[in-house]
Amino acid sequence: MAARVLARRGVDLRTATAVHSIDSSTVHLGDESIEAGTIVLTSGIVPNAAAVTIPVEHDRRGRIAVDGCMRGRSHPHGWALGERRGNA
């Protein structure tokens, strides 16, 4: 439903599309660049395969459990943050 409303309003909505980079006014896909005044990116959150094996507290999705400052709940002298790139 939301996708139909956005499409009627002229939004170029892409799903399951790899983004290679974003600068202040352009989204660069594998074979295309899209210029835009406003860019909204949402992405899935998948824990890194290596992070799942670390013997620390994890949340129900397998991510390292952290507090509001990204400190590990079970190891407060360590921080967990980052991003997932590619298919690795």
N, C-alpha and C. Protein backbone atom coordinates (compact mmCIF):
# COMPACT_ATOMS: atom_id res chain seq x y z
N MET A 1 0.82 -1.19 0.00
CA MET A 1 0.00 0.00 0.00
C MET A 1 0.87 1.26 0.00
N ALA A 2 1.85 1.33 0.91
CA ALA A 2 2.71 2.51 0.98
C ALA A 2 3.46 2.71 -0.33
N ALA A 3 3.93 1.61 -0.94
CA ALA A 3 4.66 1.72 -2.20
C ALA A 3 3.79 2.32 -3.29
N ARG A 4 2.51 1.96 -3.33
CA ARG A 4 1.60 2.52 -4.34
C ARG A 4 1.37 4.01 -4.12
N VAL A 5 1.22 4.40 -2.87
CA VAL A 5 1.02 5.83 -2.56
C VAL A 5 2.25 6.62 -2.96
N LEU A 6 3.43 6.12 -2.60
CA LEU A 6 4.67 6.81 -2.97
C LEU A 6 4.84 6.89 -4.48
N ALA A 7 4.54 5.82 -5.19
CA ALA A 7 4.65 5.82 -6.66
C ALA A 7 3.72 6.86 -7.28
N ARG A 8 2.49 6.98 -6.75
CA ARG A 8 1.55 7.99 -7.26
C ARG A 8 2.09 9.40 -7.04
N ARG A 9 2.91 9.55 -6.02
CA ARG A 9 3.48 10.88 -5.71
C ARG A 9 4.81 11.12 -6.42
N GLY A 10 5.20 10.19 -7.29
CA GLY A 10 6.40 10.39 -8.10
C GLY A 10 7.69 9.89 -7.49
N VAL A 11 7.61 9.08 -6.42
CA VAL A 11 8.80 8.55 -5.78
C VAL A 11 9.35 7.38 -6.59
N ASP A 12 10.65 7.40 -6.86
CA ASP A 12 11.32 6.29 -7.53
C ASP A 12 11.75 5.31 -6.45
N LEU A 13 10.96 4.29 -6.21
CA LEU A 13 11.19 3.34 -5.14
C LEU A 13 11.86 2.10 -5.69
N ARG A 14 13.00 1.75 -5.14
CA ARG A 14 13.75 0.57 -5.56
C ARG A 14 13.85 -0.39 -4.38
N THR A 15 13.61 -1.66 -4.61
CA THR A 15 13.80 -2.67 -3.57
C THR A 15 14.80 -3.70 -4.09
N ALA A 16 15.46 -4.35 -3.16
CA ALA A 16 16.45 -5.38 -3.50
C ALA A 16 17.45 -4.87 -4.53
N THR A 17 17.92 -3.64 -4.34
CA THR A 17 18.85 -3.01 -5.27
C THR A 17 20.13 -2.65 -4.53
N ALA A 18 21.26 -3.12 -5.04
CA ALA A 18 22.54 -2.83 -4.40
C ALA A 18 22.96 -1.39 -4.69
N VAL A 19 23.32 -0.66 -3.64
CA VAL A 19 23.82 0.70 -3.76
C VAL A 19 25.33 0.65 -3.60
N HIS A 20 26.06 1.17 -4.58
CA HIS A 20 27.52 1.15 -4.51
C HIS A 20 28.08 2.34 -3.76
N SER A 21 27.44 3.50 -3.91
CA SER A 21 27.86 4.68 -3.16
C SER A 21 26.78 5.75 -3.24
N ILE A 22 26.87 6.70 -2.31
CA ILE A 22 25.96 7.84 -2.29
C ILE A 22 26.79 9.08 -2.01
N ASP A 23 26.56 10.15 -2.78
CA ASP A 23 27.17 11.43 -2.45
C ASP A 23 26.05 12.42 -2.17
N SER A 24 26.33 13.68 -2.10
CA SER A 24 25.34 14.66 -1.63
C SER A 24 24.10 14.76 -2.51
N SER A 25 24.18 14.36 -3.77
CA SER A 25 23.02 14.50 -4.64
C SER A 25 22.81 13.33 -5.61
N THR A 26 23.58 12.26 -5.45
CA THR A 26 23.48 11.15 -6.40
C THR A 26 23.62 9.80 -5.70
N VAL A 27 22.77 8.87 -6.11
CA VAL A 27 22.88 7.49 -5.67
C VAL A 27 23.49 6.71 -6.84
N HIS A 28 24.58 6.00 -6.58
CA HIS A 28 25.27 5.24 -7.62
C HIS A 28 24.96 3.76 -7.44
N LEU A 29 24.27 3.21 -8.43
CA LEU A 29 23.97 1.79 -8.44
C LEU A 29 25.02 1.11 -9.32
N GLY A 30 24.92 -0.17 -9.54
CA GLY A 30 25.91 -0.88 -10.35
C GLY A 30 26.04 -0.33 -11.76
N ASP A 31 24.91 -0.10 -12.44
CA ASP A 31 24.94 0.32 -13.84
C ASP A 31 24.20 1.63 -14.08
N GLU A 32 23.89 2.34 -13.02
CA GLU A 32 23.06 3.53 -13.14
C GLU A 32 23.37 4.50 -12.00
N SER A 33 23.25 5.79 -12.29
CA SER A 33 23.34 6.82 -11.26
C SER A 33 22.06 7.61 -11.26
N ILE A 34 21.53 7.90 -10.08
CA ILE A 34 20.27 8.62 -9.96
C ILE A 34 20.52 9.90 -9.19
N GLU A 35 20.23 11.05 -9.82
CA GLU A 35 20.37 12.33 -9.14
C GLU A 35 19.09 12.60 -8.37
N ALA A 36 19.23 13.15 -7.16
CA ALA A 36 18.06 13.39 -6.32
C ALA A 36 18.31 14.54 -5.36
N GLY A 37 17.26 15.27 -5.05
CA GLY A 37 17.34 16.32 -4.04
C GLY A 37 17.25 15.75 -2.64
N THR A 38 16.51 14.66 -2.51
CA THR A 38 16.36 13.97 -1.23
C THR A 38 16.61 12.49 -1.45
N ILE A 39 17.46 11.90 -0.61
CA ILE A 39 17.78 10.48 -0.71
C ILE A 39 17.42 9.84 0.62
N VAL A 40 16.61 8.79 0.57
CA VAL A 40 16.24 8.04 1.76
C VAL A 40 16.69 6.61 1.53
N LEU A 41 17.54 6.10 2.41
CA LEU A 41 18.05 4.74 2.28
C LEU A 41 17.66 3.95 3.51
N THR A 42 17.05 2.81 3.30
CA THR A 42 16.79 1.88 4.39
C THR A 42 17.45 0.57 4.02
N SER A 43 17.94 -0.12 5.01
CA SER A 43 18.61 -1.38 4.71
C SER A 43 18.32 -2.37 5.81
N GLY A 44 18.44 -3.62 5.47
CA GLY A 44 18.25 -4.67 6.45
C GLY A 44 19.40 -4.71 7.43
N ILE A 45 19.15 -5.25 8.59
CA ILE A 45 20.20 -5.37 9.58
C ILE A 45 20.46 -6.85 9.79
N VAL A 46 21.62 -7.28 9.33
CA VAL A 46 22.01 -8.68 9.43
C VAL A 46 23.32 -8.75 10.20
N PRO A 47 23.40 -9.56 11.24
CA PRO A 47 24.66 -9.63 11.99
C PRO A 47 25.76 -10.26 11.15
N ASN A 48 26.96 -9.75 11.32
CA ASN A 48 28.13 -10.31 10.66
C ASN A 48 28.33 -11.73 11.14
N ALA A 49 28.68 -12.63 10.23
CA ALA A 49 28.86 -14.05 10.58
C ALA A 49 29.91 -14.22 11.68
N ALA A 50 30.95 -13.41 11.66
CA ALA A 50 31.98 -13.52 12.70
C ALA A 50 31.46 -13.03 14.05
N ALA A 51 30.63 -11.99 14.05
CA ALA A 51 30.10 -11.44 15.30
C ALA A 51 29.22 -12.45 16.03
N VAL A 52 28.55 -13.29 15.29
CA VAL A 52 27.66 -14.30 15.89
C VAL A 52 28.46 -15.30 16.73
N THR A 53 29.71 -15.53 16.35
CA THR A 53 30.53 -16.55 17.04
C THR A 53 31.28 -16.01 18.25
N ILE A 54 31.32 -14.70 18.44
CA ILE A 54 32.05 -14.11 19.56
C ILE A 54 31.29 -14.41 20.86
N PRO A 55 31.99 -14.87 21.90
CA PRO A 55 31.30 -15.24 23.15
C PRO A 55 30.93 -14.03 24.01
N VAL A 56 29.95 -13.26 23.52
CA VAL A 56 29.40 -12.11 24.23
C VAL A 56 27.88 -12.24 24.18
N GLU A 57 27.19 -11.37 24.93
CA GLU A 57 25.72 -11.38 24.88
C GLU A 57 25.23 -10.92 23.51
N HIS A 58 24.26 -11.65 22.96
CA HIS A 58 23.66 -11.32 21.67
C HIS A 58 22.17 -11.04 21.87
N ASP A 59 21.59 -10.25 20.96
CA ASP A 59 20.15 -10.03 21.02
C ASP A 59 19.44 -11.17 20.31
N ARG A 60 18.13 -11.11 20.22
CA ARG A 60 17.38 -12.22 19.64
C ARG A 60 17.63 -12.42 18.15
N ARG A 61 18.18 -11.42 17.48
CA ARG A 61 18.52 -11.54 16.06
C ARG A 61 19.96 -11.98 15.82
N GLY A 62 20.72 -12.17 16.90
CA GLY A 62 22.10 -12.61 16.76
C GLY A 62 23.11 -11.50 16.74
N ARG A 63 22.67 -10.25 16.84
CA ARG A 63 23.59 -9.11 16.87
C ARG A 63 24.20 -8.99 18.26
N ILE A 64 25.38 -8.40 18.34
CA ILE A 64 26.01 -8.17 19.64
C ILE A 64 25.13 -7.17 20.40
N ALA A 65 24.73 -7.53 21.63
CA ALA A 65 23.87 -6.67 22.43
C ALA A 65 24.68 -5.49 22.96
N VAL A 66 24.18 -4.27 22.73
CA VAL A 66 24.87 -3.05 23.14
C VAL A 66 23.92 -2.12 23.87
N ASP A 67 24.51 -1.14 24.59
CA ASP A 67 23.71 -0.11 25.24
C ASP A 67 23.59 1.09 24.30
N GLY A 68 23.06 2.20 24.79
CA GLY A 68 22.85 3.38 23.97
C GLY A 68 24.13 4.03 23.45
N CYS A 69 25.27 3.68 24.03
CA CYS A 69 26.56 4.22 23.57
C CYS A 69 27.32 3.20 22.73
N MET A 70 26.65 2.10 22.35
CA MET A 70 27.22 1.03 21.54
C MET A 70 28.24 0.18 22.29
N ARG A 71 28.24 0.27 23.64
CA ARG A 71 29.10 -0.59 24.46
C ARG A 71 28.44 -1.94 24.59
N GLY A 72 29.24 -2.98 24.57
CA GLY A 72 28.69 -4.31 24.74
C GLY A 72 28.05 -4.46 26.11
N ARG A 73 26.86 -5.02 26.16
CA ARG A 73 26.18 -5.19 27.45
C ARG A 73 26.96 -6.13 28.37
N SER A 74 27.50 -7.21 27.82
CA SER A 74 28.23 -8.15 28.65
C SER A 74 29.71 -7.78 28.79
N HIS A 75 30.19 -6.87 27.94
CA HIS A 75 31.59 -6.44 27.95
C HIS A 75 31.61 -4.92 27.76
N PRO A 76 31.35 -4.13 28.82
CA PRO A 76 31.21 -2.69 28.67
C PRO A 76 32.48 -1.93 28.28
N HIS A 77 33.61 -2.61 28.22
CA HIS A 77 34.84 -1.94 27.77
C HIS A 77 35.09 -2.18 26.29
N GLY A 78 34.11 -2.79 25.62
CA GLY A 78 34.21 -3.01 24.17
C GLY A 78 33.00 -2.40 23.48
N TRP A 79 33.17 -1.92 22.28
CA TRP A 79 32.09 -1.31 21.51
C TRP A 79 31.85 -2.13 20.26
N ALA A 80 30.61 -2.19 19.84
CA ALA A 80 30.24 -2.92 18.62
C ALA A 80 29.47 -1.99 17.71
N LEU A 81 30.01 -1.69 16.57
CA LEU A 81 29.32 -0.88 15.58
C LEU A 81 29.91 -1.20 14.22
N GLY A 82 29.21 -0.84 13.18
CA GLY A 82 29.74 -1.09 11.85
C GLY A 82 28.63 -1.20 10.82
N GLU A 83 29.00 -1.67 9.68
CA GLU A 83 28.05 -1.83 8.60
C GLU A 83 28.41 -3.08 7.80
N ARG A 84 27.46 -3.58 7.10
CA ARG A 84 27.65 -4.76 6.27
C ARG A 84 27.79 -4.31 4.83
N ARG A 85 28.78 -4.80 4.13
CA ARG A 85 28.99 -4.44 2.73
C ARG A 85 28.98 -5.68 1.87
N GLY A 86 28.38 -5.58 0.71
CA GLY A 86 28.39 -6.68 -0.24
C GLY A 86 27.65 -7.90 0.27
N ASN A 87 28.01 -9.05 -0.26
CA ASN A 87 27.36 -10.29 0.12
C ASN A 87 28.14 -11.08 1.16
N ALA A 88 29.18 -10.49 1.70
CA ALA A 88 30.01 -11.21 2.68
C ALA A 88 29.36 -11.30 4.03
